C-alpha atoms as a PDB file:
ATOM      1  CA  MET A   1     209.696 -47.746  -7.212  1.00  0.00           C
ATOM      2  CA  ILE A   2     207.409 -44.912  -6.225  1.00  0.00           C
ATOM      3  CA  PRO A   3     206.884 -42.237  -8.919  1.00  0.00           C
ATOM      4  CA  SER A   4     208.258 -38.806  -8.018  1.00  0.00           C
ATOM      5  CA  GLY A   5     204.763 -37.281  -7.908  1.00  0.00           C
ATOM      6  CA  TYR A   6     203.986 -39.497  -4.904  1.00  0.00           C
ATOM      7  CA  ARG A   7     207.254 -39.043  -2.972  1.00  0.00           C
ATOM      8  CA  LEU A   8     206.215 -36.074  -0.880  1.00  0.00           C
ATOM      9  CA  PRO A   9     207.934 -34.430   2.074  1.00  0.00           C
ATOM     10  CA  LEU A  10     205.917 -34.472   5.292  1.00  0.00           C
ATOM     11  CA  ARG A  11     204.998 -30.775   5.021  1.00  0.00           C
ATOM     12  CA  ASP A  12     203.244 -31.336   1.662  1.00  0.00           C
ATOM     13  CA  VAL A  13     201.160 -34.424   2.484  1.00  0.00           C
ATOM     14  CA  LYS A  14     198.033 -32.512   3.532  1.00  0.00           C
ATOM     15  CA  LYS A  15     198.277 -30.125   0.559  1.00  0.00           C
ATOM     16  CA  GLU A  16     198.155 -32.807  -2.132  1.00  0.00           C
ATOM     17  CA  ILE A  17     194.966 -33.904  -3.860  1.00  0.00           C
ATOM     18  CA  THR A  18     196.280 -37.372  -4.625  1.00  0.00           C
ATOM     19  CA  GLY A  19     196.204 -40.451  -2.486  1.00  0.00           C
ATOM     20  CA  SER A  20     199.336 -42.027  -1.097  1.00  0.00           C
ATOM     21  CA  TRP A  21     201.231 -44.759  -2.916  1.00  0.00           C
ATOM     22  CA  ILE A  22     200.428 -48.324  -1.854  1.00  0.00           C
ATOM     23  CA  ASP A  23     202.024 -51.724  -2.428  1.00  0.00           C
ATOM     24  CA  ILE A  24     199.643 -54.652  -1.944  1.00  0.00           C
ATOM     25  CA  ASN A  25     200.222 -58.392  -1.890  1.00  0.00           C
ATOM     26  CA  LYS A  26     196.931 -60.067  -2.768  1.00  0.00           C
ATOM     27  CA  ARG A  27     195.967 -63.601  -1.857  1.00  0.00           C
ATOM     28  CA  THR A  28     195.608 -65.783  -4.909  1.00  0.00           C
ATOM     29  CA  LYS A  29     193.647 -68.928  -5.609  1.00  0.00           C
ATOM     30  CA  ALA A  30     196.910 -70.822  -6.150  1.00  0.00           C
ATOM     31  CA  GLY A  31     197.253 -71.458  -2.422  1.00  0.00           C
ATOM     32  CA  PRO A  32     197.691 -69.859   1.003  1.00  0.00           C
ATOM     33  CA  GLY A  33     201.381 -69.018   0.515  1.00  0.00           C
ATOM     34  CA  SER A  34     201.072 -67.453  -2.927  1.00  0.00           C
ATOM     35  CA  ALA A  35     200.494 -63.749  -3.529  1.00  0.00           C
ATOM     36  CA  ASP A  36     200.055 -61.337  -6.400  1.00  0.00           C
ATOM     37  CA  THR A  37     201.704 -57.891  -6.107  1.00  0.00           C
ATOM     38  CA  LEU A  38     200.079 -54.591  -7.057  1.00  0.00           C
ATOM     39  CA  SER A  39     201.327 -50.987  -6.756  1.00  0.00           C
ATOM     40  CA  GLY A  40     199.518 -47.723  -7.319  1.00  0.00           C
ATOM     41  CA  GLU A  41     197.719 -44.750  -5.837  1.00  0.00           C
ATOM     42  CA  LEU A  42     195.153 -45.509  -3.142  1.00  0.00           C
ATOM     43  CA  ILE A  43     191.968 -43.913  -4.472  1.00  0.00           C
ATOM     44  CA  ALA A  44     189.437 -44.975  -1.826  1.00  0.00           C
ATOM     45  CA  ILE A  45     188.366 -47.595   0.666  1.00  0.00           C
ATOM     46  CA  GLN A  46     184.632 -48.183   0.706  1.00  0.00           C
ATOM     47  CA  ASN A  47     182.335 -51.133   1.312  1.00  0.00           C
ATOM     48  CA  ASP A  48     185.295 -53.354   2.295  1.00  0.00           C
ATOM     49  CA  THR A  49     186.944 -52.723  -1.076  1.00  0.00           C
ATOM     50  CA  LEU A  50     190.206 -50.945  -1.815  1.00  0.00           C
ATOM     51  CA  TYR A  51     190.372 -48.976  -5.053  1.00  0.00           C
ATOM     52  CA  VAL A  52     193.904 -48.716  -6.395  1.00  0.00           C
ATOM     53  CA  LEU A  53     194.854 -46.750  -9.498  1.00  0.00           C
ATOM     54  CA  THR A  54     197.709 -48.396 -11.380  1.00  0.00           C
ATOM     55  CA  SER A  55     199.424 -47.115 -14.498  1.00  0.00           C
ATOM     56  CA  SER A  56     196.895 -48.978 -16.615  1.00  0.00           C
ATOM     57  CA  ARG A  57     193.555 -48.820 -14.785  1.00  0.00           C
ATOM     58  CA  LEU A  58     191.531 -48.569 -11.572  1.00  0.00           C
ATOM     59  CA  ILE A  59     191.416 -51.896  -9.732  1.00  0.00           C
ATOM     60  CA  ALA A  60     188.932 -52.869  -7.005  1.00  0.00           C
ATOM     61  CA  ILE A  61     190.333 -55.295  -4.427  1.00  0.00           C
ATOM     62  CA  PRO A  62     188.107 -56.854  -1.754  1.00  0.00           C
ATOM     63  CA  SER A  63     189.775 -56.307   1.624  1.00  0.00           C
ATOM     64  CA  GLU A  64     189.654 -60.032   2.443  1.00  0.00           C
ATOM     65  CA  ASN A  65     191.966 -60.614  -0.562  1.00  0.00           C
ATOM     66  CA  VAL A  66     194.686 -58.336   0.864  1.00  0.00           C
ATOM     67  CA  LYS A  67     197.469 -60.474   2.318  1.00  0.00           C
ATOM     68  CA  ASN A  68     199.615 -57.491   3.333  1.00  0.00           C
ATOM     69  CA  ALA A  69     200.040 -53.878   2.329  1.00  0.00           C
ATOM     70  CA  VAL A  70     202.391 -50.936   2.806  1.00  0.00           C
ATOM     71  CA  LEU A  71     201.191 -47.349   2.375  1.00  0.00           C
ATOM     72  CA  TYR A  72     203.880 -44.691   1.835  1.00  0.00           C
ATOM     73  CA  ILE A  73     202.596 -41.475   3.419  1.00  0.00           C
ATOM     74  CA  PHE A  74     205.713 -39.318   2.974  1.00  0.00           C
ATOM     75  CA  ILE A  75     209.355 -39.827   2.061  1.00  0.00           C
ATOM     76  CA  ASN A  76     211.993 -40.850   4.568  1.00  0.00           C
ATOM     77  CA  ARG A  77     214.792 -38.269   4.711  1.00  0.00           C
ATOM     78  CA  SER A  78     217.639 -40.430   6.065  1.00  0.00           C
ATOM     79  CA  GLY A  79     219.507 -40.219   2.740  1.00  0.00           C
ATOM     80  CA  LEU A  80     219.297 -36.430   2.814  1.00  0.00           C
ATOM     81  CA  PHE A  81     220.823 -36.283   6.304  1.00  0.00           C
ATOM     82  CA  ALA A  82     223.657 -38.597   5.241  1.00  0.00           C
ATOM     83  CA  SER A  83     224.352 -36.507   2.119  1.00  0.00           C
ATOM     84  CA  VAL A  84     224.421 -33.227   4.028  1.00  0.00           C
ATOM     85  CA  THR A  85     226.746 -34.748   6.629  1.00  0.00           C
ATOM     86  CA  SER A  86     229.141 -35.870   3.891  1.00  0.00           C
ATOM     87  CA  LEU A  87     229.072 -32.479   2.194  1.00  0.00           C
ATOM     88  CA  VAL A  88     229.723 -30.637   5.446  1.00  0.00           C
ATOM     89  CA  TYR A  89     232.663 -32.880   6.374  1.00  0.00           C
ATOM     90  CA  ALA A  90     234.240 -32.960   2.871  1.00  0.00           C
ATOM     91  CA  PRO A  91     236.042 -29.572   3.230  1.00  0.00           C
ATOM     92  CA  ASP A  92     237.660 -30.792   6.459  1.00  0.00           C
ATOM     93  CA  ILE A  93     239.011 -33.862   4.695  1.00  0.00           C
ATOM     94  CA  ILE A  94     240.259 -31.854   1.711  1.00  0.00           C
ATOM     95  CA  ALA A  95     241.935 -29.263   3.960  1.00  0.00           C
ATOM     96  CA  ALA A  96     243.583 -31.978   6.052  1.00  0.00           C
ATOM     97  CA  ILE A  97     244.963 -33.725   2.962  1.00  0.00           C
ATOM     98  CA  ALA A  98     246.099 -30.495   1.288  1.00  0.00           C
ATOM     99  CA  ASN A  99     247.799 -29.103   4.380  1.00  0.00           C
ATOM    100  CA  LYS A 100     248.837 -32.373   6.026  1.00  0.00           C
ATOM    101  CA  LEU A 101     247.008 -31.272   9.159  1.00  0.00           C
ATOM    102  CA  GLU A 102     245.647 -34.450  10.732  1.00  0.00           C
ATOM    103  CA  GLY A 103     244.271 -32.491  13.689  1.00  0.00           C
ATOM    104  CA  PHE A 104     242.084 -30.485  11.308  1.00  0.00           C
ATOM    105  CA  LEU A 105     239.833 -33.531  10.819  1.00  0.00           C
ATOM    106  CA  ILE A 106     238.746 -33.317  14.469  1.00  0.00           C
ATOM    107  CA  LEU A 107     236.878 -30.049  13.803  1.00  0.00           C
ATOM    108  CA  GLY A 108     234.255 -31.849  11.682  1.00  0.00           C
ATOM    109  CA  ILE A 109     233.672 -34.766  14.021  1.00  0.00           C
ATOM    110  CA  PRO A 110     230.701 -33.117  15.827  1.00  0.00           C
ATOM    111  CA  TRP A 111     229.005 -32.731  12.419  1.00  0.00           C
ATOM    112  CA  VAL A 112     229.678 -36.356  11.543  1.00  0.00           C
ATOM    113  CA  ILE A 113     228.320 -37.600  14.867  1.00  0.00           C
ATOM    114  CA  THR A 114     225.207 -35.420  14.632  1.00  0.00           C
ATOM    115  CA  GLY A 115     224.524 -36.343  11.001  1.00  0.00           C
ATOM    116  CA  THR A 116     225.058 -40.043  11.643  1.00  0.00           C
ATOM    117  CA  ILE A 117     222.674 -40.022  14.591  1.00  0.00           C
ATOM    118  CA  LEU A 118     220.012 -38.110  12.598  1.00  0.00           C
ATOM    119  CA  SER A 119     220.347 -40.518   9.665  1.00  0.00           C
ATOM    120  CA  ALA A 120     220.119 -43.583  11.899  1.00  0.00           C
ATOM    121  CA  VAL A 121     217.071 -42.256  13.755  1.00  0.00           C
ATOM    122  CA  GLU A 122     215.300 -41.317  10.525  1.00  0.00           C
ATOM    123  CA  LEU A 123     216.165 -44.636   8.875  1.00  0.00           C
ATOM    124  CA  GLY A 124     214.764 -46.615  11.805  1.00  0.00           C
ATOM    125  CA  ASP A 125     211.630 -44.473  12.062  1.00  0.00           C
ATOM    126  CA  LYS A 126     208.773 -46.072  10.147  1.00  0.00           C
ATOM    127  CA  SER A 127     206.220 -43.355  10.947  1.00  0.00           C
ATOM    128  CA  ASN A 128     206.084 -42.559   7.233  1.00  0.00           C
ATOM    129  CA  LEU A 129     204.497 -45.967   6.579  1.00  0.00           C
ATOM    130  CA  LEU A 130     201.273 -47.747   7.388  1.00  0.00           C
ATOM    131  CA  ILE A 131     201.856 -51.503   7.423  1.00  0.00           C
ATOM    132  CA  TYR A 132     199.016 -54.033   7.291  1.00  0.00           C
ATOM    133  CA  PRO A 133     198.548 -56.396   9.126  1.00  0.00           C
ATOM    134  CA  GLU A 134     201.689 -56.109  11.307  1.00  0.00           C
ATOM    135  CA  ARG A 135     201.008 -52.651  12.687  1.00  0.00           C
ATOM    136  CA  ASP A 136     197.908 -51.026  11.216  1.00  0.00           C
ATOM    137  CA  ARG A 137     194.383 -51.876  10.117  1.00  0.00           C
ATOM    138  CA  LEU A 138     193.279 -51.308   6.521  1.00  0.00           C
ATOM    139  CA  ILE A 139     190.610 -48.833   7.620  1.00  0.00           C
ATOM    140  CA  GLU A 140     193.420 -46.540   8.854  1.00  0.00           C
ATOM    141  CA  PHE A 141     194.675 -46.270   5.258  1.00  0.00           C
ATOM    142  CA  ARG A 142     191.477 -44.438   4.276  1.00  0.00           C
ATOM    143  CA  ASP A 143     192.688 -41.024   5.515  1.00  0.00           C
ATOM    144  CA  PHE A 144     195.535 -41.139   2.984  1.00  0.00           C
ATOM    145  CA  SER A 145     193.441 -41.980  -0.067  1.00  0.00           C
ATOM    146  CA  ARG A 146     192.408 -39.519  -2.763  1.00  0.00           C
ATOM    147  CA  PHE A 147     188.765 -39.847  -1.678  1.00  0.00           C
ATOM    148  CA  PRO A 148     188.751 -40.539   2.099  1.00  0.00           C
ATOM    149  CA  LYS A 149     184.931 -40.593   2.231  1.00  0.00           C
ATOM    150  CA  GLY A 150     184.586 -42.868  -0.790  1.00  0.00           C
ATOM    151  CA  ILE A 151     184.454 -42.179  -4.499  1.00  0.00           C
ATOM    152  CA  PRO A 152     181.735 -39.584  -5.162  1.00  0.00           C
ATOM    153  CA  PRO A 153     179.027 -40.878  -7.525  1.00  0.00           C
ATOM    154  CA  GLU A 154     179.630 -38.018  -9.986  1.00  0.00           C
ATOM    155  CA  VAL A 155     183.289 -39.022 -10.540  1.00  0.00           C
ATOM    156  CA  ASP A 156     183.874 -40.871 -13.795  1.00  0.00           C
ATOM    157  CA  LYS A 157     186.216 -43.678 -12.696  1.00  0.00           C
ATOM    158  CA  SER A 158     187.483 -44.156 -16.238  1.00  0.00           C
ATOM    159  CA  LYS A 159     188.886 -40.598 -16.246  1.00  0.00           C
ATOM    160  CA  LEU A 160     191.106 -41.078 -13.183  1.00  0.00           C
ATOM    161  CA  HIS A 161     194.830 -41.053 -13.912  1.00  0.00           C
ATOM    162  CA  LEU A 162     198.077 -41.017 -11.976  1.00  0.00           C
ATOM    163  CA  VAL A 163     199.914 -37.775 -11.240  1.00  0.00           C
ATOM    164  CA  VAL A 164     201.805 -36.360 -14.187  1.00  0.00           C
ATOM    165  CA  ASN A 165     205.482 -35.576 -13.640  1.00  0.00           C
ATOM    166  CA  GLN A 166     207.255 -32.392 -14.729  1.00  0.00           C
ATOM    167  CA  SER A 167     207.941 -33.689 -18.257  1.00  0.00           C
ATOM    168  CA  GLY A 168     204.209 -34.143 -18.832  1.00  0.00           C
ATOM    169  CA  ARG A 169     204.394 -37.947 -18.873  1.00  0.00           C
ATOM    170  CA  SER A 170     201.897 -39.784 -16.662  1.00  0.00           C
ATOM    171  CA  TYR A 171     203.006 -42.811 -14.688  1.00  0.00           C
END
């Protein structure tokens, strides 16, 4: 679950001061197949270390301990396209039922086809994600961190916190 403050539409990604949300599976000492999961805001990548801000604290993870990771750059809008398609076609269904006009349903079919195609294309498009190691390198995640050039020395790491939602509660 990604907090609402980190689920941004594509147009707002460059305007935000936060880093993108990241899910990391870390290698553990228990064995090669075991992993520990961590989620939070990507703060920085520097000196082969990823800095991730969780709800409790800032965690430094050496890059060699990262088994796999997914960075969520912006939200996928496939659900929005499906909802709009349903809302646009609903009056056709209601009118057809109310007036017993089966042919009336045909008028909305172009909307249904268009909306279904848009939803399917958006759902299959993973351009909103960076995926390590399958598709991307960890260094490519840096551009989507809060501090792409590394954490400035004057920043007090203990004062960093996650984005606060509209109710004033931090995540």
